């Protein structure tokens, strides 16, 4: 079992977590699957529903059920999720325990990071 800090909340994650959001310009869906490995977050897979300004599918992308899907590989110590309040919704964070919305209103970025 791993632990993820999400804007001050500590969340248990055994199988990783997913992030989903609507692109602010193209209004198309984007989702990413992540896992916690020690002091890093590892991108497992990303997918985008369509393409357009700032949302080009990644290398090796394949079209699956209307989504361009590609493997991850990125390793980062944390993620900063912008909270502009201008997209009509926030970030959808899903773990084994369910889903919650983060950053729906204009505020400081929500930081995701492994628990210390």
Protein backbone atom coordinates (compact mmCIF):
# COMPACT_ATOMS: atom_id res chain seq x y z
CA UNK A 1 0.00 0.00 0.00
CA UNK A 2 1.32 3.44 -0.96
CA UNK A 3 0.31 6.87 0.20
CA UNK A 4 -0.48 9.92 -1.93
CA UNK A 5 -0.76 13.49 -0.66
CA UNK A 6 -3.39 15.41 -2.61
CA UNK A 7 -3.73 19.03 -1.58
CA UNK A 8 -3.28 18.24 2.11
CA UNK A 9 -5.23 14.95 2.08
CA UNK A 10 -3.38 11.66 2.62
CA UNK A 11 -4.88 8.93 0.43
CA UNK A 12 -4.06 5.22 0.49
CA UNK A 13 -3.40 3.83 -3.00
CA UNK A 14 -2.72 0.17 -3.61
CA UNK A 15 -3.16 0.05 -7.39
CA UNK A 16 -2.19 3.59 -8.30
CA UNK A 17 -4.54 6.41 -9.21
CA UNK A 18 -6.04 8.08 -12.24
CA UNK A 19 -6.41 11.74 -13.13
CA UNK A 20 -9.03 12.93 -15.56
CA UNK A 21 -9.94 16.41 -16.77
CA UNK A 22 -11.40 18.40 -19.64
CA UNK A 23 -8.89 20.31 -21.76
CA UNK A 24 -9.50 24.05 -21.23
CA UNK A 25 -9.32 25.02 -24.94
CA UNK A 26 -10.47 21.97 -26.89
CA UNK A 27 -13.05 20.84 -24.27
CA UNK A 28 -12.02 17.22 -24.81
CA UNK A 29 -11.31 14.55 -22.21
CA UNK A 30 -7.82 13.67 -21.01
CA UNK A 31 -6.90 10.94 -18.53
CA UNK A 32 -3.71 9.56 -17.03
CA UNK A 33 -2.94 6.50 -14.92
CA UNK A 34 -0.21 6.91 -12.30
CA UNK A 35 1.41 4.83 -9.57
CA UNK A 36 3.45 5.76 -6.51
CA UNK A 37 6.96 4.26 -6.43
CA UNK A 38 8.91 5.33 -3.36
CA UNK A 39 9.43 9.09 -3.59
CA UNK A 40 8.22 9.36 -7.20
CA UNK A 41 5.02 9.39 -9.21
CA UNK A 42 5.25 7.24 -12.36
CA UNK A 43 3.02 7.81 -15.38
CA UNK A 44 1.74 4.41 -16.53
CA UNK A 45 -0.53 5.46 -19.42
CA UNK A 46 -2.12 8.58 -20.89
CA UNK A 47 -5.13 9.03 -23.17
CA UNK A 48 -6.82 11.91 -24.94
CA UNK A 49 -10.24 12.01 -26.60
CA UNK A 50 -9.33 13.71 -29.88
CA UNK A 51 -6.47 16.03 -30.70
CA UNK A 52 -5.96 19.74 -31.05
CA UNK A 53 -4.27 22.72 -29.40
CA UNK A 54 -1.85 21.42 -26.79
CA UNK A 55 -3.23 17.88 -26.74
CA UNK A 56 -1.33 15.93 -29.34
CA UNK A 57 -1.24 12.19 -28.62
CA UNK A 58 2.10 10.91 -27.33
CA UNK A 59 4.60 8.71 -29.11
CA UNK A 60 3.29 5.24 -29.87
CA UNK A 61 -0.36 6.29 -29.48
CA UNK A 62 -3.06 3.95 -30.74
CA UNK A 63 -6.74 4.73 -31.22
CA UNK A 64 -8.81 2.66 -28.77
CA UNK A 65 -12.57 3.20 -28.30
CA UNK A 66 -12.33 6.82 -29.47
CA UNK A 67 -9.32 7.63 -27.25
CA UNK A 68 -5.70 8.06 -28.35
CA UNK A 69 -3.80 5.96 -25.78
CA UNK A 70 -0.05 5.74 -25.26
CA UNK A 71 2.39 4.36 -22.68
CA UNK A 72 3.82 6.62 -19.99
CA UNK A 73 7.26 6.31 -18.46
CA UNK A 74 7.57 9.81 -17.00
CA UNK A 75 8.86 9.86 -13.40
CA UNK A 76 8.39 12.99 -11.26
CA UNK A 77 8.61 13.87 -7.55
CA UNK A 78 5.25 15.69 -7.65
CA UNK A 79 2.50 17.09 -9.88
CA UNK A 80 1.08 20.61 -9.66
CA UNK A 81 -2.54 20.70 -10.84
CA UNK A 82 -3.57 24.19 -11.91
CA UNK A 83 -6.87 25.45 -10.53
CA UNK A 84 -8.03 28.25 -12.83
CA UNK A 85 -11.77 27.90 -12.26
CA UNK A 86 -12.19 28.61 -16.00
CA UNK A 87 -12.68 25.07 -17.30
CA UNK A 88 -16.09 24.35 -15.81
CA UNK A 89 -14.71 21.50 -13.72
CA UNK A 90 -11.64 20.50 -11.80
CA UNK A 91 -9.40 17.47 -11.86
CA UNK A 92 -11.02 14.08 -11.16
CA UNK A 93 -8.72 12.03 -8.93
CA UNK A 94 -9.69 8.37 -8.52
CA UNK A 95 -8.12 5.85 -6.13
CA UNK A 96 -9.21 2.47 -4.78
CA UNK A 97 -11.49 4.32 -2.33
CA UNK A 98 -13.38 6.28 -5.00
CA UNK A 99 -13.15 9.57 -6.86
CA UNK A 100 -13.04 13.21 -5.82
CA UNK A 101 -12.82 16.53 -7.64
CA UNK A 102 -9.85 18.80 -7.00
CA UNK A 103 -9.22 22.37 -8.13
CA UNK A 104 -12.69 23.23 -9.48
CA UNK A 105 -12.50 26.82 -8.21
CA UNK A 106 -9.75 29.34 -8.88
CA UNK A 107 -7.06 28.82 -6.26
CA UNK A 108 -3.44 27.87 -5.76
CA UNK A 109 -2.35 24.70 -7.61
CA UNK A 110 -3.16 21.37 -5.95
CA UNK A 111 0.05 19.43 -5.36
CA UNK A 112 0.10 15.62 -5.67
CA UNK A 113 3.11 13.86 -4.19
CA UNK A 114 4.04 10.62 -2.43
CA UNK A 115 3.67 10.81 1.36
CA UNK A 116 7.02 11.41 3.09
